[in-house]
Amino acid sequence: RHCIEEQSIEIIARILDDQPGMFVWEAGISIPTQTEALPLDPGILLRAARERTAALQMLRKQLPFPGEPLFVARTVPDEPLSEAERTVISALHGGARTFAELRTHLALDELSLGMAVLSLRDRGVIVPLRGQPAPMVHAQPRH
């Protein structure tokens, strides 16, 4: 059920965000009788799609330009990395060089990919090639 809800939210978010996308179905296919119908609440799906669209719009303003070269600036940090962050680092080591290439080659949704790139950039793990250092993360003073 979760997968169907996520796909529905993604489709609605793309429509709301005017992004290209594809939805394929075959008319006239009958559902096997042992298959349970999944009731989906359109209001919940629409609300989640609006939230995802707003998050993506905010995220896009902070991301590197699509063609801006990125590189891994230092070794992997000691703190735990998310699966998406590990995937981004691996792709950059494997030949991807820009955010646009990461989007094309990785099986991550735009929100997960963008959040991983921003997190890695903010921690100084990946750096735009412009030569500008990634923002420093300041530790809170200990009392």
C-alpha atoms as a PDB file:
ATOM      1  CA  ARG A   1       0.000   0.000   0.000  1.00  0.00           C
ATOM      2  CA  HIS A   2       2.804   2.399   0.908  1.00  0.00           C
ATOM      3  CA  CYS A   3       4.341   1.999  -2.560  1.00  0.00           C
ATOM      4  CA  ILE A   4       1.058   2.818  -4.299  1.00  0.00           C
ATOM      5  CA  GLU A   5       0.568   5.876  -2.090  1.00  0.00           C
ATOM      6  CA  GLU A   6       4.131   7.081  -2.806  1.00  0.00           C
ATOM      7  CA  GLN A   7       3.660   6.653  -6.558  1.00  0.00           C
ATOM      8  CA  SER A   8       0.344   8.491  -6.404  1.00  0.00           C
ATOM      9  CA  ILE A   9       1.893  11.359  -4.454  1.00  0.00           C
ATOM     10  CA  GLU A  10       4.803  11.533  -6.924  1.00  0.00           C
ATOM     11  CA  ILE A  11       2.433  11.674  -9.907  1.00  0.00           C
ATOM     12  CA  ILE A  12       0.279  14.399  -8.334  1.00  0.00           C
ATOM     13  CA  ALA A  13       3.385  16.371  -7.263  1.00  0.00           C
ATOM     14  CA  ARG A  14       4.731  16.299 -10.835  1.00  0.00           C
ATOM     15  CA  ILE A  15       1.410  17.558 -12.132  1.00  0.00           C
ATOM     16  CA  LEU A  16       1.328  20.350  -9.530  1.00  0.00           C
ATOM     17  CA  ASP A  17       4.974  21.238 -10.226  1.00  0.00           C
ATOM     18  CA  ASP A  18       4.503  21.048 -14.000  1.00  0.00           C
ATOM     19  CA  GLN A  19       7.323  18.505 -14.308  1.00  0.00           C
ATOM     20  CA  PRO A  20       7.489  15.946 -17.087  1.00  0.00           C
ATOM     21  CA  GLY A  21       6.446  12.487 -16.083  1.00  0.00           C
ATOM     22  CA  MET A  22       4.775   9.350 -17.325  1.00  0.00           C
ATOM     23  CA  PHE A  23       1.967   7.235 -16.020  1.00  0.00           C
ATOM     24  CA  VAL A  24       1.139   4.032 -17.873  1.00  0.00           C
ATOM     25  CA  TRP A  25      -1.860   1.789 -17.462  1.00  0.00           C
ATOM     26  CA  GLU A  26      -3.725  -0.730 -19.519  1.00  0.00           C
ATOM     27  CA  ALA A  27      -7.463  -0.337 -19.842  1.00  0.00           C
ATOM     28  CA  GLY A  28      -9.681  -3.351 -19.461  1.00  0.00           C
ATOM     29  CA  ILE A  29      -7.417  -5.415 -17.250  1.00  0.00           C
ATOM     30  CA  SER A  30      -9.415  -7.167 -14.578  1.00  0.00           C
ATOM     31  CA  ILE A  31      -8.046  -7.431 -11.068  1.00  0.00           C
ATOM     32  CA  PRO A  32      -7.751 -10.984  -9.786  1.00  0.00           C
ATOM     33  CA  THR A  33     -10.449 -11.757  -7.241  1.00  0.00           C
ATOM     34  CA  GLN A  34      -7.911 -12.547  -4.495  1.00  0.00           C
ATOM     35  CA  THR A  35      -6.378  -9.051  -4.820  1.00  0.00           C
ATOM     36  CA  GLU A  36      -7.373  -6.663  -2.056  1.00  0.00           C
ATOM     37  CA  ALA A  37      -8.536  -3.240  -3.189  1.00  0.00           C
ATOM     38  CA  LEU A  38      -6.576  -0.416  -1.591  1.00  0.00           C
ATOM     39  CA  PRO A  39      -8.690   2.559  -0.631  1.00  0.00           C
ATOM     40  CA  LEU A  40      -6.696   5.750  -1.107  1.00  0.00           C
ATOM     41  CA  ASP A  41      -7.826   9.053   0.372  1.00  0.00           C
ATOM     42  CA  PRO A  42      -7.534  11.692  -2.389  1.00  0.00           C
ATOM     43  CA  GLY A  43      -7.384  14.515   0.171  1.00  0.00           C
ATOM     44  CA  ILE A  44      -4.397  12.975   1.933  1.00  0.00           C
ATOM     45  CA  LEU A  45      -2.645  12.278  -1.376  1.00  0.00           C
ATOM     46  CA  LEU A  46      -3.194  15.839  -2.604  1.00  0.00           C
ATOM     47  CA  ARG A  47      -1.995  17.352   0.680  1.00  0.00           C
ATOM     48  CA  ALA A  48       1.157  15.194   0.630  1.00  0.00           C
ATOM     49  CA  ALA A  49       1.779  16.122  -3.022  1.00  0.00           C
ATOM     50  CA  ARG A  50       1.464  19.836  -2.201  1.00  0.00           C
ATOM     51  CA  GLU A  51       3.910  19.444   0.686  1.00  0.00           C
ATOM     52  CA  ARG A  52       6.373  17.571  -1.538  1.00  0.00           C
ATOM     53  CA  THR A  53       6.074  20.237  -4.249  1.00  0.00           C
ATOM     54  CA  ALA A  54       6.736  23.034  -1.740  1.00  0.00           C
ATOM     55  CA  ALA A  55       9.732  21.158  -0.325  1.00  0.00           C
ATOM     56  CA  LEU A  56      11.138  20.603  -3.820  1.00  0.00           C
ATOM     57  CA  GLN A  57      10.760  24.269  -4.723  1.00  0.00           C
ATOM     58  CA  MET A  58      12.658  25.326  -1.583  1.00  0.00           C
ATOM     59  CA  LEU A  59      15.294  22.647  -2.158  1.00  0.00           C
ATOM     60  CA  ARG A  60      15.935  23.648  -5.782  1.00  0.00           C
ATOM     61  CA  LYS A  61      16.830  27.180  -4.692  1.00  0.00           C
ATOM     62  CA  GLN A  62      19.678  25.794  -2.561  1.00  0.00           C
ATOM     63  CA  LEU A  63      21.068  23.140  -4.900  1.00  0.00           C
ATOM     64  CA  PRO A  64      24.141  23.626  -7.090  1.00  0.00           C
ATOM     65  CA  PHE A  65      23.434  24.564 -10.693  1.00  0.00           C
ATOM     66  CA  PRO A  66      22.654  21.376 -12.656  1.00  0.00           C
ATOM     67  CA  GLY A  67      25.840  21.561 -14.759  1.00  0.00           C
ATOM     68  CA  GLU A  68      28.136  22.765 -11.989  1.00  0.00           C
ATOM     69  CA  PRO A  69      30.937  20.229 -11.410  1.00  0.00           C
ATOM     70  CA  LEU A  70      31.009  18.571  -7.987  1.00  0.00           C
ATOM     71  CA  PHE A  71      33.805  16.600  -6.394  1.00  0.00           C
ATOM     72  CA  VAL A  72      34.393  14.677  -3.210  1.00  0.00           C
ATOM     73  CA  ALA A  73      36.574  16.978  -1.128  1.00  0.00           C
ATOM     74  CA  ARG A  74      37.499  14.705   1.747  1.00  0.00           C
ATOM     75  CA  THR A  75      37.060  11.244   3.086  1.00  0.00           C
ATOM     76  CA  VAL A  76      33.715  10.077   4.321  1.00  0.00           C
ATOM     77  CA  PRO A  77      32.854  11.688   7.678  1.00  0.00           C
ATOM     78  CA  ASP A  78      32.791   9.722  10.905  1.00  0.00           C
ATOM     79  CA  GLU A  79      29.108  10.465  11.473  1.00  0.00           C
ATOM     80  CA  PRO A  80      26.653   8.027   9.908  1.00  0.00           C
ATOM     81  CA  LEU A  81      25.573   8.614   6.322  1.00  0.00           C
ATOM     82  CA  SER A  82      22.143   7.952   4.893  1.00  0.00           C
ATOM     83  CA  GLU A  83      21.753   5.447   2.088  1.00  0.00           C
ATOM     84  CA  ALA A  84      21.172   8.336  -0.336  1.00  0.00           C
ATOM     85  CA  GLU A  85      24.374  10.079   0.815  1.00  0.00           C
ATOM     86  CA  ARG A  86      26.401   6.880   0.345  1.00  0.00           C
ATOM     87  CA  THR A  87      24.878   6.494  -3.122  1.00  0.00           C
ATOM     88  CA  VAL A  88      25.833  10.075  -4.095  1.00  0.00           C
ATOM     89  CA  ILE A  89      29.436   9.640  -2.894  1.00  0.00           C
ATOM     90  CA  SER A  90      29.728   6.346  -4.753  1.00  0.00           C
ATOM     91  CA  ALA A  91      28.360   7.914  -7.954  1.00  0.00           C
ATOM     92  CA  LEU A  92      30.802  10.822  -7.741  1.00  0.00           C
ATOM     93  CA  HIS A  93      33.680   8.378  -7.255  1.00  0.00           C
ATOM     94  CA  GLY A  94      32.314   6.327 -10.153  1.00  0.00           C
ATOM     95  CA  GLY A  95      32.250   9.090 -12.747  1.00  0.00           C
ATOM     96  CA  ALA A  96      29.217  11.327 -12.253  1.00  0.00           C
ATOM     97  CA  ARG A  97      30.416  14.932 -12.134  1.00  0.00           C
ATOM     98  CA  THR A  98      27.361  17.200 -11.842  1.00  0.00           C
ATOM     99  CA  PHE A  99      24.008  17.310 -10.095  1.00  0.00           C
ATOM    100  CA  ALA A 100      22.335  16.798 -13.487  1.00  0.00           C
ATOM    101  CA  GLU A 101      24.343  13.595 -14.006  1.00  0.00           C
ATOM    102  CA  LEU A 102      23.454  12.389 -10.525  1.00  0.00           C
ATOM    103  CA  ARG A 103      19.757  12.951 -11.306  1.00  0.00           C
ATOM    104  CA  THR A 104      20.066  11.046 -14.566  1.00  0.00           C
ATOM    105  CA  HIS A 105      22.020   8.064 -13.300  1.00  0.00           C
ATOM    106  CA  LEU A 106      20.765   7.464  -9.774  1.00  0.00           C
ATOM    107  CA  ALA A 107      17.551   5.728  -8.839  1.00  0.00           C
ATOM    108  CA  LEU A 108      16.703   8.341  -6.204  1.00  0.00           C
ATOM    109  CA  ASP A 109      13.701  10.619  -6.215  1.00  0.00           C
ATOM    110  CA  GLU A 110      14.518  14.312  -6.592  1.00  0.00           C
ATOM    111  CA  LEU A 111      13.778  15.135  -2.957  1.00  0.00           C
ATOM    112  CA  SER A 112      16.031  12.396  -1.528  1.00  0.00           C
ATOM    113  CA  LEU A 113      18.839  13.214  -3.961  1.00  0.00           C
ATOM    114  CA  GLY A 114      18.647  16.942  -3.307  1.00  0.00           C
ATOM    115  CA  MET A 115      18.636  16.511   0.456  1.00  0.00           C
ATOM    116  CA  ALA A 116      21.641  14.160   0.255  1.00  0.00           C
ATOM    117  CA  VAL A 117      23.619  16.580  -1.937  1.00  0.00           C
ATOM    118  CA  LEU A 118      22.861  19.541   0.324  1.00  0.00           C
ATOM    119  CA  SER A 119      23.751  17.601   3.460  1.00  0.00           C
ATOM    120  CA  LEU A 120      27.061  16.429   1.986  1.00  0.00           C
ATOM    121  CA  ARG A 121      27.858  19.906   0.684  1.00  0.00           C
ATOM    122  CA  ASP A 122      27.063  21.551   4.017  1.00  0.00           C
ATOM    123  CA  ARG A 123      29.377  19.101   5.814  1.00  0.00           C
ATOM    124  CA  GLY A 124      32.185  19.751   3.316  1.00  0.00           C
ATOM    125  CA  VAL A 125      32.180  16.225   1.896  1.00  0.00           C
ATOM    126  CA  ILE A 126      31.335  17.406  -1.613  1.00  0.00           C
ATOM    127  CA  VAL A 127      32.272  20.800  -2.991  1.00  0.00           C
ATOM    128  CA  PRO A 128      31.262  22.676  -6.132  1.00  0.00           C
ATOM    129  CA  LEU A 129      34.265  23.021  -8.460  1.00  0.00           C
ATOM    130  CA  ARG A 130      33.987  26.807  -8.499  1.00  0.00           C
ATOM    131  CA  GLY A 131      36.540  26.706  -5.732  1.00  0.00           C
ATOM    132  CA  GLN A 132      34.206  28.115  -3.153  1.00  0.00           C
ATOM    133  CA  PRO A 133      34.439  26.152   0.067  1.00  0.00           C
ATOM    134  CA  ALA A 134      31.355  24.408   1.328  1.00  0.00           C
ATOM    135  CA  PRO A 135      29.646  26.158   4.237  1.00  0.00           C
ATOM    136  CA  MET A 136      31.237  25.282   7.543  1.00  0.00           C
ATOM    137  CA  VAL A 137      29.150  23.517  10.133  1.00  0.00           C
ATOM    138  CA  HIS A 138      29.923  25.012  13.517  1.00  0.00           C
ATOM    139  CA  ALA A 139      29.749  22.802  16.569  1.00  0.00           C
ATOM    140  CA  GLN A 140      27.694  24.026  19.492  1.00  0.00           C
ATOM    141  CA  PRO A 141      29.835  25.039  22.492  1.00  0.00           C
ATOM    142  CA  ARG A 142      29.847  22.518  25.281  1.00  0.00           C
ATOM    143  CA  HIS A 143      28.807  23.674  28.728  1.00  0.00           C
END
